Amino acid sequence: MTVYYIVFIFFARIKVFPYSDDKENYSWFIDLFFQTYLFVCKNSGFKYDENTIQQIKLKVLKNIQVFFMLFNLSKTLNKFFEDDFIDEKYYYERIFYDEQRKSNKKAVTLDFIKNYHIYTRSSRISTTEKKIIPFILPADILIRYLFE
């Protein structure tokens, strides 16, 4: 499930690679990947402790080919909707257009749009992002997420 989230947050540009250097971006990506993993675990009711997470992290990171592939895939997806002629703020206004029109979602989308340059470049998943991520996920993934 973590990979699904990673794919969609990069495709929708909820997260944007912050550095020009690939080594820095790769470290940032690994941190984001495990932050996303913890987010999915918490929301699916999986009980864990820091020691267990560290053991999982060490075991999983041994598959460097998989993470390198995910990193490159994420970079490619991240550039899919990038356009030099469209301002980033305008892009987020358009992607959350429908949510901005609903009073119960307006504040969180406006917060993200106003502070996109902070949220999109952080390897942490903020409270605001936790609330807006479901807006960009396809319904089939949301249903699968609920049942898992």
Protein backbone atom coordinates (compact mmCIF):
# COMPACT_ATOMS: atom_id res chain seq x y z
CA MET A 1 0.00 0.00 0.00
CA THR A 2 2.90 2.34 0.70
CA VAL A 3 4.01 2.15 -2.93
CA TYR A 4 0.51 3.18 -4.10
CA TYR A 5 0.64 6.25 -1.88
CA ILE A 6 4.16 7.11 -3.03
CA VAL A 7 3.12 6.84 -6.68
CA PHE A 8 0.08 9.09 -6.27
CA ILE A 9 1.69 11.73 -4.09
CA PHE A 10 4.47 12.15 -6.64
CA PHE A 11 2.16 11.94 -9.64
CA ALA A 12 -0.14 14.62 -8.17
CA ARG A 13 2.92 16.61 -7.04
CA ILE A 14 1.89 16.56 -3.37
CA LYS A 15 5.58 15.85 -2.88
CA VAL A 16 8.25 17.39 -5.10
CA PHE A 17 11.93 16.52 -5.05
CA PRO A 18 13.55 19.48 -3.29
CA TYR A 19 17.20 19.18 -4.32
CA SER A 20 19.14 19.41 -7.54
CA ASP A 21 21.52 16.70 -6.32
CA ASP A 22 20.33 13.08 -6.76
CA LYS A 23 22.16 11.87 -3.63
CA GLU A 24 20.29 14.37 -1.47
CA ASN A 25 17.03 13.57 -3.23
CA TYR A 26 17.56 9.85 -2.73
CA SER A 27 18.08 10.29 1.04
CA TRP A 28 15.01 12.54 1.16
CA PHE A 29 13.02 9.93 -0.80
CA ILE A 30 14.01 7.10 1.57
CA ASP A 31 12.93 9.19 4.55
CA LEU A 32 9.63 10.03 2.84
CA PHE A 33 9.08 6.38 1.91
CA PHE A 34 9.34 5.27 5.53
CA GLN A 35 7.26 8.21 6.75
CA THR A 36 4.60 7.04 4.30
CA TYR A 37 5.02 3.46 5.51
CA LEU A 38 4.41 4.59 9.11
CA PHE A 39 1.41 6.65 7.99
CA VAL A 40 -0.14 3.61 6.29
CA CYS A 41 0.63 1.39 9.32
CA LYS A 42 -0.99 3.82 11.75
CA ASN A 43 -4.10 4.17 9.61
CA SER A 44 -4.49 0.44 9.10
CA GLY A 45 -4.22 -0.30 12.84
CA PHE A 46 -0.86 -2.07 12.63
CA LYS A 47 0.80 -2.04 16.05
CA TYR A 48 4.56 -1.52 16.02
CA ASP A 49 7.45 -0.20 18.05
CA GLU A 50 10.58 1.67 16.94
CA ASN A 51 12.76 -1.46 17.17
CA THR A 52 10.43 -3.37 14.84
CA ILE A 53 10.38 -0.47 12.37
CA GLN A 54 14.19 -0.26 12.40
CA GLN A 55 14.46 -4.02 11.72
CA ILE A 56 11.99 -3.74 8.84
CA LYS A 57 13.83 -0.70 7.48
CA LEU A 58 17.23 -2.44 7.54
CA LYS A 59 15.84 -5.56 5.91
CA VAL A 60 13.92 -3.70 3.21
CA LEU A 61 16.78 -1.30 2.38
CA LYS A 62 18.95 -4.26 1.40
CA ASN A 63 16.90 -4.38 -1.80
CA ILE A 64 18.59 -1.27 -3.14
CA GLN A 65 17.55 -2.08 -6.72
CA VAL A 66 13.88 -1.81 -5.73
CA PHE A 67 14.38 1.54 -4.00
CA PHE A 68 16.49 2.89 -6.82
CA MET A 69 13.75 1.88 -9.27
CA LEU A 70 11.06 3.50 -7.05
CA PHE A 71 13.19 6.62 -6.76
CA ASN A 72 13.57 6.93 -10.54
CA LEU A 73 9.92 6.12 -11.15
CA SER A 74 8.90 8.78 -8.63
CA LYS A 75 11.16 11.37 -10.26
CA THR A 76 9.65 10.58 -13.66
CA LEU A 77 6.08 10.74 -12.35
CA ASN A 78 6.88 13.96 -10.50
CA LYS A 79 7.77 15.67 -13.75
CA PHE A 80 4.71 14.43 -15.62
CA PHE A 81 2.56 17.47 -14.78
CA GLU A 82 5.44 19.91 -14.40
CA ASP A 83 5.16 22.77 -16.83
CA ASP A 84 7.38 25.83 -17.08
CA PHE A 85 4.38 27.89 -18.18
CA ILE A 86 2.13 26.99 -15.22
CA ASP A 87 2.77 28.45 -11.80
CA GLU A 88 2.90 25.80 -9.05
CA LYS A 89 0.34 27.65 -6.93
CA TYR A 90 -2.06 27.77 -9.86
CA TYR A 91 -1.53 24.03 -10.40
CA TYR A 92 -2.59 23.29 -6.79
CA GLU A 93 -5.54 25.66 -7.07
CA ARG A 94 -6.70 23.70 -10.10
CA ILE A 95 -6.11 20.24 -8.62
CA PHE A 96 -8.11 21.14 -5.49
CA TYR A 97 -10.70 23.30 -7.26
CA ASP A 98 -13.68 21.13 -6.29
CA GLU A 99 -12.53 20.74 -2.68
CA GLN A 100 -12.11 24.51 -2.30
CA ARG A 101 -15.78 24.94 -3.11
CA LYS A 102 -16.86 22.69 -0.22
CA SER A 103 -16.93 24.48 3.11
CA ASN A 104 -15.69 21.48 5.11
CA LYS A 105 -12.62 21.07 2.88
CA LYS A 106 -11.87 24.67 2.01
CA ALA A 107 -9.61 25.53 4.96
CA VAL A 108 -7.32 22.52 4.54
CA THR A 109 -6.95 22.99 0.78
CA LEU A 110 -6.29 26.71 1.15
CA ASP A 111 -3.66 25.96 3.81
CA PHE A 112 -1.92 23.53 1.44
CA ILE A 113 -2.09 25.93 -1.49
CA LYS A 114 -0.77 28.84 0.58
CA ASN A 115 2.12 26.76 1.98
CA TYR A 116 2.72 24.31 -0.87
CA HIS A 117 6.42 25.27 -1.10
CA ILE A 118 6.91 24.01 2.48
CA TYR A 119 4.64 20.94 2.38
CA THR A 120 5.71 19.58 -0.99
CA ARG A 121 9.42 19.69 -0.22
CA SER A 122 9.32 18.18 3.27
CA SER A 123 9.98 14.47 3.76
CA ARG A 124 7.44 14.49 6.60
CA ILE A 125 3.74 14.04 5.99
CA SER A 126 2.00 16.95 7.68
CA THR A 127 -1.48 16.94 9.18
CA THR A 128 -2.66 19.03 6.24
CA GLU A 129 -1.26 16.51 3.76
CA LYS A 130 -2.88 13.63 5.63
CA LYS A 131 -6.20 15.38 5.04
CA ILE A 132 -5.67 16.24 1.37
CA ILE A 133 -4.06 13.00 0.17
CA PRO A 134 -7.48 11.24 -0.01
CA PHE A 135 -8.62 13.98 -2.42
CA ILE A 136 -6.10 12.81 -5.02
CA LEU A 137 -6.30 9.04 -4.55
CA PRO A 138 -8.50 7.06 -6.92
CA ALA A 139 -11.62 5.52 -5.37
CA ASP A 140 -10.40 1.92 -5.84
CA ILE A 141 -7.31 2.61 -3.75
CA LEU A 142 -9.37 4.34 -1.07
CA ILE A 143 -11.71 1.34 -0.88
CA ARG A 144 -8.78 -1.08 -0.69
CA TYR A 145 -7.18 1.11 1.99
CA LEU A 146 -10.39 1.00 4.06
CA PHE A 147 -10.63 -2.78 3.87
CA GLU A 148 -7.00 -3.39 4.75
